[in-house]
Amino acid sequence: MPTLFSTTRSQGASIVTTLPAEVVRRLGIPAGQRLAWIEDGLGGFRVVPHSEELGEASEAHEAIMAEYDGVFRELAK
């Protein structure tokens, strides 16, 4: 798959971009779809259509990470 590009622009206090048509087609997202931006741990993000299940899983993940932050930091040493 070739590299896809988009350009950012200012809109009020936000920076916005459009999604390339191929991304829209592959993700099957309609106009107005809420997207989730998930950090990949490598300095980038995954963008996926938001769903209730994803929202619940993200909240659970953040709660676990906050609760065990010290443990994870020690394990990383």
C-alpha atoms as a PDB file:
ATOM      1  CA  MET A   1       0.000   0.000   0.000  1.00  0.00           C
ATOM      2  CA  PRO A   2       1.426   3.388  -0.900  1.00  0.00           C
ATOM      3  CA  THR A   3       1.960   6.023   1.765  1.00  0.00           C
ATOM      4  CA  LEU A   4      -1.115   8.190   2.243  1.00  0.00           C
ATOM      5  CA  PHE A   5      -0.912  11.868   3.187  1.00  0.00           C
ATOM      6  CA  SER A   6      -3.151  14.611   4.540  1.00  0.00           C
ATOM      7  CA  THR A   7      -2.494  18.236   5.409  1.00  0.00           C
ATOM      8  CA  THR A   8      -3.441  20.025   8.608  1.00  0.00           C
ATOM      9  CA  ARG A   9      -5.117  23.439   8.775  1.00  0.00           C
ATOM     10  CA  SER A  10      -6.320  25.752  11.520  1.00  0.00           C
ATOM     11  CA  GLN A  11     -10.016  25.863  12.343  1.00  0.00           C
ATOM     12  CA  GLY A  12     -10.738  28.031  15.345  1.00  0.00           C
ATOM     13  CA  ALA A  13      -8.584  26.842  18.252  1.00  0.00           C
ATOM     14  CA  SER A  14      -8.144  23.377  16.688  1.00  0.00           C
ATOM     15  CA  ILE A  15      -5.943  21.823  14.039  1.00  0.00           C
ATOM     16  CA  VAL A  16      -7.954  19.671  11.619  1.00  0.00           C
ATOM     17  CA  THR A  17      -7.187  17.370   8.716  1.00  0.00           C
ATOM     18  CA  THR A  18      -9.144  15.392   6.165  1.00  0.00           C
ATOM     19  CA  LEU A  19      -8.852  11.648   5.815  1.00  0.00           C
ATOM     20  CA  PRO A  20      -7.643  10.238   2.513  1.00  0.00           C
ATOM     21  CA  ALA A  21     -10.437   8.513   0.570  1.00  0.00           C
ATOM     22  CA  GLU A  22      -8.624   5.156   0.795  1.00  0.00           C
ATOM     23  CA  VAL A  23      -8.555   5.366   4.613  1.00  0.00           C
ATOM     24  CA  VAL A  24     -12.261   6.173   4.711  1.00  0.00           C
ATOM     25  CA  ARG A  25     -13.003   3.255   2.377  1.00  0.00           C
ATOM     26  CA  ARG A  26     -10.892   0.746   4.317  1.00  0.00           C
ATOM     27  CA  LEU A  27     -12.233   1.745   7.734  1.00  0.00           C
ATOM     28  CA  GLY A  28     -15.780   2.003   6.400  1.00  0.00           C
ATOM     29  CA  ILE A  29     -16.409   5.228   8.259  1.00  0.00           C
ATOM     30  CA  PRO A  30     -19.244   7.605   7.394  1.00  0.00           C
ATOM     31  CA  ALA A  31     -19.150  11.379   7.789  1.00  0.00           C
ATOM     32  CA  GLY A  32     -19.658  12.300  11.441  1.00  0.00           C
ATOM     33  CA  GLN A  33     -18.056   9.084  12.750  1.00  0.00           C
ATOM     34  CA  ARG A  34     -16.249   9.523  16.045  1.00  0.00           C
ATOM     35  CA  LEU A  35     -12.654   8.259  15.878  1.00  0.00           C
ATOM     36  CA  ALA A  36     -10.402   6.987  18.657  1.00  0.00           C
ATOM     37  CA  TRP A  37      -6.701   7.886  18.589  1.00  0.00           C
ATOM     38  CA  ILE A  38      -4.768   5.186  20.463  1.00  0.00           C
ATOM     39  CA  GLU A  39      -1.065   5.644  21.293  1.00  0.00           C
ATOM     40  CA  ASP A  40       0.965   2.778  19.895  1.00  0.00           C
ATOM     41  CA  GLY A  41       3.872   3.140  22.347  1.00  0.00           C
ATOM     42  CA  LEU A  42       6.308   3.900  19.525  1.00  0.00           C
ATOM     43  CA  GLY A  43       5.585   7.614  19.195  1.00  0.00           C
ATOM     44  CA  GLY A  44       2.618   7.173  16.878  1.00  0.00           C
ATOM     45  CA  PHE A  45      -1.103   6.542  16.982  1.00  0.00           C
ATOM     46  CA  ARG A  46      -3.631   4.057  15.651  1.00  0.00           C
ATOM     47  CA  VAL A  47      -6.890   5.605  14.479  1.00  0.00           C
ATOM     48  CA  VAL A  48      -9.977   3.411  14.721  1.00  0.00           C
ATOM     49  CA  PRO A  49     -13.722   4.005  14.638  1.00  0.00           C
ATOM     50  CA  HIS A  50     -14.965   4.606  18.182  1.00  0.00           C
ATOM     51  CA  SER A  51     -17.441   2.166  19.703  1.00  0.00           C
ATOM     52  CA  GLU A  52     -18.960   1.698  23.161  1.00  0.00           C
ATOM     53  CA  GLU A  53     -16.892  -1.464  23.663  1.00  0.00           C
ATOM     54  CA  LEU A  54     -13.700   0.382  22.771  1.00  0.00           C
ATOM     55  CA  GLY A  55     -14.589   3.200  25.164  1.00  0.00           C
ATOM     56  CA  GLU A  56     -15.193   0.769  28.020  1.00  0.00           C
ATOM     57  CA  ALA A  57     -11.983  -1.127  27.289  1.00  0.00           C
ATOM     58  CA  SER A  58      -9.986   2.117  27.171  1.00  0.00           C
ATOM     59  CA  GLU A  59     -11.389   3.245  30.518  1.00  0.00           C
ATOM     60  CA  ALA A  60     -10.537  -0.127  32.093  1.00  0.00           C
ATOM     61  CA  HIS A  61      -7.029  -0.002  30.621  1.00  0.00           C
ATOM     62  CA  GLU A  62      -6.391   3.491  31.968  1.00  0.00           C
ATOM     63  CA  ALA A  63      -7.662   2.508  35.431  1.00  0.00           C
ATOM     64  CA  ILE A  64      -5.366  -0.550  35.545  1.00  0.00           C
ATOM     65  CA  MET A  65      -2.388   1.450  34.294  1.00  0.00           C
ATOM     66  CA  ALA A  66      -2.980   4.126  36.954  1.00  0.00           C
ATOM     67  CA  GLU A  67      -3.436   1.565  39.731  1.00  0.00           C
ATOM     68  CA  TYR A  68      -0.293  -0.399  38.870  1.00  0.00           C
ATOM     69  CA  ASP A  69       1.868   2.462  37.560  1.00  0.00           C
ATOM     70  CA  GLY A  70       4.583   1.880  40.177  1.00  0.00           C
ATOM     71  CA  VAL A  71       4.697  -1.841  39.469  1.00  0.00           C
ATOM     72  CA  PHE A  72       5.016  -1.303  35.717  1.00  0.00           C
ATOM     73  CA  ARG A  73       7.778   1.253  36.241  1.00  0.00           C
ATOM     74  CA  GLU A  74       9.731  -1.210  38.415  1.00  0.00           C
ATOM     75  CA  LEU A  75       9.288  -3.970  35.862  1.00  0.00           C
ATOM     76  CA  ALA A  76      10.577  -1.681  33.136  1.00  0.00           C
ATOM     77  CA  LYS A  77      13.919  -1.244  34.987  1.00  0.00           C
END
